[in-house]
Amino acid sequence: MGRLTATTPQPPAGRSLLAGRTVLVTAAAGTGIGYAAAERCVLEGARVALSDRHERRLQEAADRLAELAGERPLAIPCDVTVEADVQRMVDTVVADYGALDVLVNNAGLGGEASIVEMTDAQWSAVLDVTLNGTFRCTRAALRHMVARGSGAIVNNASVIGWRAQAGQAHYAAAKAGVMALTRSAALDVADSGVRVNAVAPSIAIHPHLAKVSSEQLLAELAEREAFGRAAEPWEVANVIVFLASDYASYMTGEVVSVSSQHP
């Protein structure tokens, strides 16, 4: 039997899965998984705050989301490599919204380089944003959530944390670290009623990705998927929302693959 191919489906209607929740999404500017997650959370009834280090794009994202949400979301500039920025971001959400129920750690930095040629600066830059940034944001959010006795964190990992791909040693190491961080953090706070999970997308096409990856590579990666196409960012966002919702109340420390490709 040949590989199944399919056209891209349409996003489902909202089901109020996050009604009454406050959600913070990092790296939510632009057109990628972060913005899609923020948009999906609004459709599911959440009050959303956005963060990104690109302030102009962040404000543009907030303007777009305001049309859907009926109110302009908090838009907080933040560089996740700076601890003071991270703490200010979480404190601002709690002060303005009264609580932080869900954190979506989406901030990450990619790149492509053979490990033979990779510099310390290239390695450190990817690790500091993708792994250390996730740690900083998780720590800041958990201090608030543990004190309240509730909350959910969803980290954006990657199937590259499991699979080998040439030129991706730094990114793969960082995403594998996010997976390990997710599992360990979940056990640290399980007795406080807080859950920590992650998604591991394979490939989700959006304009920013197209700028940093070759058209040939993206086509090859999409071809490997069972459906013969890349995921839409909202398809990854749907799984993020599921993990953040009460439908995943018994899940913690899990890394959920959002992919139609199997090793």
Protein backbone atom coordinates (compact mmCIF):
# COMPACT_ATOMS: atom_id res chain seq x y z
CA MET A 1 0.00 0.00 0.00
CA GLY A 2 1.43 3.40 -0.95
CA ARG A 3 1.92 6.30 1.39
CA LEU A 4 -1.22 8.21 2.22
CA THR A 5 -1.36 11.80 1.04
CA ALA A 6 -3.89 14.35 2.18
CA THR A 7 -4.85 17.96 1.71
CA THR A 8 -4.44 20.32 4.62
CA PRO A 9 -7.51 20.24 6.88
CA GLN A 10 -9.19 23.33 8.26
CA PRO A 11 -8.74 24.37 11.92
CA PRO A 12 -11.50 23.03 14.18
CA ALA A 13 -13.86 25.31 16.04
CA GLY A 14 -13.04 26.26 19.62
CA ARG A 15 -14.41 24.08 22.43
CA SER A 16 -13.75 26.34 25.44
CA LEU A 17 -10.97 24.01 26.59
CA LEU A 18 -9.14 26.86 28.31
CA ALA A 19 -12.08 29.01 29.39
CA GLY A 20 -11.15 31.26 32.28
CA ARG A 21 -7.42 30.46 32.07
CA THR A 22 -4.56 32.92 31.70
CA VAL A 23 -1.89 31.82 29.25
CA LEU A 24 1.58 33.20 28.50
CA VAL A 25 3.24 32.25 25.20
CA THR A 26 6.90 33.07 24.61
CA ALA A 27 8.32 33.85 21.16
CA ALA A 28 4.77 34.51 19.96
CA ALA A 29 5.52 37.17 17.37
CA GLY A 30 5.46 36.32 13.69
CA THR A 31 3.65 33.47 11.99
CA GLY A 32 5.07 30.33 13.61
CA ILE A 33 3.97 27.89 16.29
CA GLY A 34 4.10 30.54 19.03
CA TYR A 35 1.56 32.84 17.42
CA ALA A 36 -0.56 29.86 16.36
CA ALA A 37 -0.59 28.65 19.98
CA ALA A 38 -1.63 32.08 21.24
CA GLU A 39 -4.40 32.29 18.65
CA ARG A 40 -5.62 28.78 19.45
CA CYS A 41 -5.67 29.56 23.17
CA VAL A 42 -7.86 32.61 22.50
CA LEU A 43 -10.23 30.46 20.43
CA GLU A 44 -10.40 28.07 23.39
CA GLY A 45 -11.47 30.85 25.75
CA ALA A 46 -8.17 31.82 27.38
CA ARG A 47 -6.90 35.27 28.21
CA VAL A 48 -3.50 35.41 26.55
CA ALA A 49 -0.25 37.29 27.08
CA LEU A 50 2.42 37.35 24.40
CA SER A 51 6.16 37.71 24.72
CA ASP A 52 9.02 38.04 22.24
CA ARG A 53 12.37 39.77 21.99
CA HIS A 54 11.41 41.40 18.67
CA GLU A 55 9.34 44.30 19.99
CA ARG A 56 7.95 45.59 16.68
CA ARG A 57 6.80 42.15 15.57
CA LEU A 58 5.44 41.52 19.06
CA GLN A 59 3.23 44.61 18.93
CA GLU A 60 2.03 43.63 15.45
CA ALA A 61 1.13 40.17 16.75
CA ALA A 62 -0.78 41.69 19.66
CA ASP A 63 -2.71 43.91 17.25
CA ARG A 64 -3.70 40.90 15.13
CA LEU A 65 -4.74 38.89 18.16
CA ALA A 66 -6.80 41.81 19.54
CA GLU A 67 -9.14 41.50 16.57
CA LEU A 68 -9.86 37.90 17.52
CA ALA A 69 -9.83 38.25 21.30
CA GLY A 70 -11.89 41.42 21.58
CA GLU A 71 -9.19 42.94 23.80
CA ARG A 72 -5.54 43.64 23.25
CA PRO A 73 -3.41 41.02 24.96
CA LEU A 74 -0.46 41.88 27.13
CA ALA A 75 2.61 42.17 24.91
CA ILE A 76 5.79 41.92 26.96
CA PRO A 77 9.22 42.30 25.36
CA CYS A 78 11.51 39.63 26.78
CA ASP A 79 14.87 38.09 25.95
CA VAL A 80 14.77 34.64 27.53
CA THR A 81 18.55 34.66 27.89
CA VAL A 82 18.24 37.48 30.45
CA GLU A 83 16.99 36.42 33.88
CA ALA A 84 15.72 39.89 34.79
CA ASP A 85 13.62 39.98 31.60
CA VAL A 86 12.11 36.57 32.37
CA GLN A 87 11.20 37.49 35.94
CA ARG A 88 9.69 40.80 34.82
CA MET A 89 7.64 38.97 32.18
CA VAL A 90 6.07 36.55 34.66
CA ASP A 91 5.56 39.25 37.30
CA THR A 92 3.79 41.45 34.75
CA VAL A 93 1.35 38.69 33.75
CA VAL A 94 0.54 37.87 37.37
CA ALA A 95 0.10 41.55 38.28
CA ASP A 96 -2.11 42.39 35.29
CA TYR A 97 -4.09 39.14 34.96
CA GLY A 98 -4.13 38.06 38.59
CA ALA A 99 -2.58 34.66 37.93
CA LEU A 100 -0.63 32.59 35.44
CA ASP A 101 -2.38 29.31 34.69
CA VAL A 102 -0.49 28.12 31.60
CA LEU A 103 2.99 28.81 30.24
CA VAL A 104 3.87 27.80 26.68
CA ASN A 105 7.65 27.79 26.30
CA ASN A 106 8.07 28.33 22.58
CA ALA A 107 11.29 30.38 22.42
CA GLY A 108 14.04 28.62 20.51
CA LEU A 109 16.94 29.31 18.20
CA GLY A 110 18.04 27.14 15.31
CA GLY A 111 20.86 27.15 12.81
CA GLU A 112 22.81 24.78 10.61
CA ALA A 113 26.50 23.91 10.93
CA SER A 114 28.62 20.79 10.85
CA ILE A 115 29.98 20.02 14.29
CA VAL A 116 33.45 20.03 12.72
CA GLU A 117 33.05 23.71 11.82
CA MET A 118 30.71 24.78 14.63
CA THR A 119 32.06 27.53 16.86
CA ASP A 120 31.60 27.83 20.61
CA ALA A 121 29.51 30.95 19.95
CA GLN A 122 27.12 29.07 17.63
CA TRP A 123 26.77 26.23 20.11
CA SER A 124 26.23 28.51 23.10
CA ALA A 125 23.74 30.78 21.36
CA VAL A 126 21.41 27.90 20.48
CA LEU A 127 21.72 26.28 23.91
CA ASP A 128 21.18 29.54 25.78
CA VAL A 129 17.92 30.41 24.01
CA THR A 130 16.47 26.96 23.45
CA LEU A 131 17.43 25.08 26.62
CA ASN A 132 18.52 27.66 29.16
CA GLY A 133 15.68 29.99 28.16
CA THR A 134 13.15 27.21 28.68
CA PHE A 135 14.70 26.55 32.10
CA ARG A 136 14.54 30.20 33.14
CA CYS A 137 10.92 30.64 32.09
CA THR A 138 9.89 27.32 33.62
CA ARG A 139 11.55 28.19 36.93
CA ALA A 140 9.91 31.61 37.10
CA ALA A 141 6.46 30.28 36.26
CA LEU A 142 6.68 27.32 38.60
CA ARG A 143 7.49 29.51 41.58
CA HIS A 144 4.10 31.13 41.05
CA MET A 145 2.20 27.97 40.10
CA VAL A 146 3.51 25.85 42.97
CA ALA A 147 2.49 28.52 45.46
CA ARG A 148 -1.04 28.48 43.98
CA GLY A 149 -1.20 24.70 43.79
CA SER A 150 -2.17 24.57 40.12
CA GLY A 151 -0.90 25.25 36.64
CA ALA A 152 0.41 23.70 33.45
CA ILE A 153 3.55 24.21 31.40
CA VAL A 154 3.92 23.04 27.80
CA ASN A 155 7.40 23.12 26.28
CA ASN A 156 8.12 23.13 22.56
CA ALA A 157 10.73 20.45 21.92
CA SER A 158 11.38 18.77 18.55
CA VAL A 159 11.62 15.32 17.04
CA ILE A 160 15.25 16.24 16.39
CA GLY A 161 15.73 15.59 20.09
CA TRP A 162 15.19 11.93 19.16
CA ARG A 163 16.33 11.73 15.54
CA ALA A 164 19.69 12.47 13.97
CA GLN A 165 19.97 15.21 11.39
CA ALA A 166 23.20 16.50 9.88
CA GLY A 167 24.16 20.04 10.80
CA GLN A 168 21.90 20.09 13.85
CA ALA A 169 24.13 18.97 16.74
CA HIS A 170 23.52 22.13 18.78
CA TYR A 171 19.77 22.23 18.13
CA ALA A 172 19.35 18.49 18.72
CA ALA A 173 21.26 18.68 21.99
CA ALA A 174 19.16 21.64 23.12
CA LYS A 175 15.85 20.00 22.26
CA ALA A 176 16.87 16.71 23.87
CA GLY A 177 17.70 18.80 26.92
CA VAL A 178 14.22 20.36 26.83
CA MET A 179 12.75 16.84 26.85
CA ALA A 180 14.85 15.81 29.86
CA LEU A 181 14.05 19.10 31.63
CA THR A 182 10.35 18.47 31.05
CA ARG A 183 10.44 15.02 32.61
CA SER A 184 12.47 16.04 35.65
CA ALA A 185 10.61 19.30 36.32
CA ALA A 186 7.33 17.40 36.17
CA LEU A 187 8.41 15.15 39.04
CA ASP A 188 9.70 18.10 41.07
CA VAL A 189 6.24 19.71 41.14
CA ALA A 190 3.80 16.81 40.74
CA ASP A 191 2.78 16.92 44.40
CA SER A 192 1.84 20.59 43.97
CA GLY A 193 -0.82 19.93 41.35
CA VAL A 194 1.25 21.42 38.53
CA ARG A 195 1.83 19.57 35.25
CA VAL A 196 4.78 19.91 32.84
CA ASN A 197 4.65 18.35 29.37
CA ALA A 198 6.12 18.98 25.93
CA VAL A 199 5.31 18.66 22.26
CA ALA A 200 7.87 17.44 19.74
CA PRO A 201 6.92 18.66 16.25
CA SER A 202 8.65 17.32 13.17
CA ILE A 203 8.17 20.04 10.57
CA ALA A 204 5.68 22.90 10.55
CA ILE A 205 6.04 25.29 7.65
CA HIS A 206 5.77 29.04 8.17
CA PRO A 207 7.48 32.06 6.57
CA HIS A 208 10.17 32.44 9.24
CA LEU A 209 11.28 28.82 8.84
CA ALA A 210 11.43 29.28 5.09
CA LYS A 211 13.88 32.15 5.59
CA VAL A 212 16.37 30.10 7.63
CA SER A 213 16.13 26.74 5.82
CA SER A 214 16.62 25.87 2.18
CA GLU A 215 13.59 25.12 0.05
CA GLN A 216 15.15 21.78 -0.88
CA LEU A 217 15.62 20.70 2.75
CA LEU A 218 12.06 21.66 3.69
CA ALA A 219 10.70 19.76 0.70
CA GLU A 220 12.73 16.67 1.63
CA LEU A 221 11.55 16.77 5.24
CA ALA A 222 7.91 17.19 4.20
CA GLU A 223 8.24 14.28 1.76
CA ARG A 224 9.21 11.96 4.62
CA GLU A 225 5.96 12.63 6.45
CA ALA A 226 3.18 10.07 6.07
CA PHE A 227 0.77 12.69 4.74
CA GLY A 228 3.34 14.01 2.28
CA ARG A 229 3.19 17.51 3.75
CA ALA A 230 4.45 19.54 6.67
CA ALA A 231 2.18 20.35 9.60
CA GLU A 232 0.41 23.67 9.75
CA PRO A 233 1.45 25.63 12.88
CA TRP A 234 -2.12 25.43 14.21
CA GLU A 235 -1.95 21.63 14.10
CA VAL A 236 0.93 21.75 16.58
CA ALA A 237 -0.94 24.40 18.58
CA ASN A 238 -3.91 22.05 18.94
CA VAL A 239 -1.76 19.53 20.79
CA ILE A 240 -0.29 22.28 22.97
CA VAL A 241 -3.82 23.30 23.95
CA PHE A 242 -4.73 19.69 24.72
CA LEU A 243 -1.75 19.33 27.07
CA ALA A 244 -2.62 22.62 28.76
CA SER A 245 -6.26 21.63 29.25
CA ASP A 246 -8.06 19.44 31.75
CA TYR A 247 -8.30 16.73 29.10
CA ALA A 248 -4.64 16.00 29.90
CA SER A 249 -5.13 16.07 33.68
CA TYR A 250 -3.33 12.73 34.19
CA MET A 251 -0.40 13.56 31.91
CA THR A 252 2.83 15.01 33.22
CA GLY A 253 6.45 14.56 32.23
CA GLU A 254 5.34 13.43 28.76
CA VAL A 255 6.79 14.44 25.40
CA VAL A 256 4.16 14.08 22.68
CA SER A 257 5.35 13.71 19.09
CA VAL A 258 3.40 15.88 16.64
CA SER A 259 4.51 14.09 13.52
CA SER A 260 3.30 11.59 10.94
CA GLN A 261 6.83 10.25 10.39
CA HIS A 262 8.08 7.27 12.35
CA PRO A 263 11.75 6.44 13.02
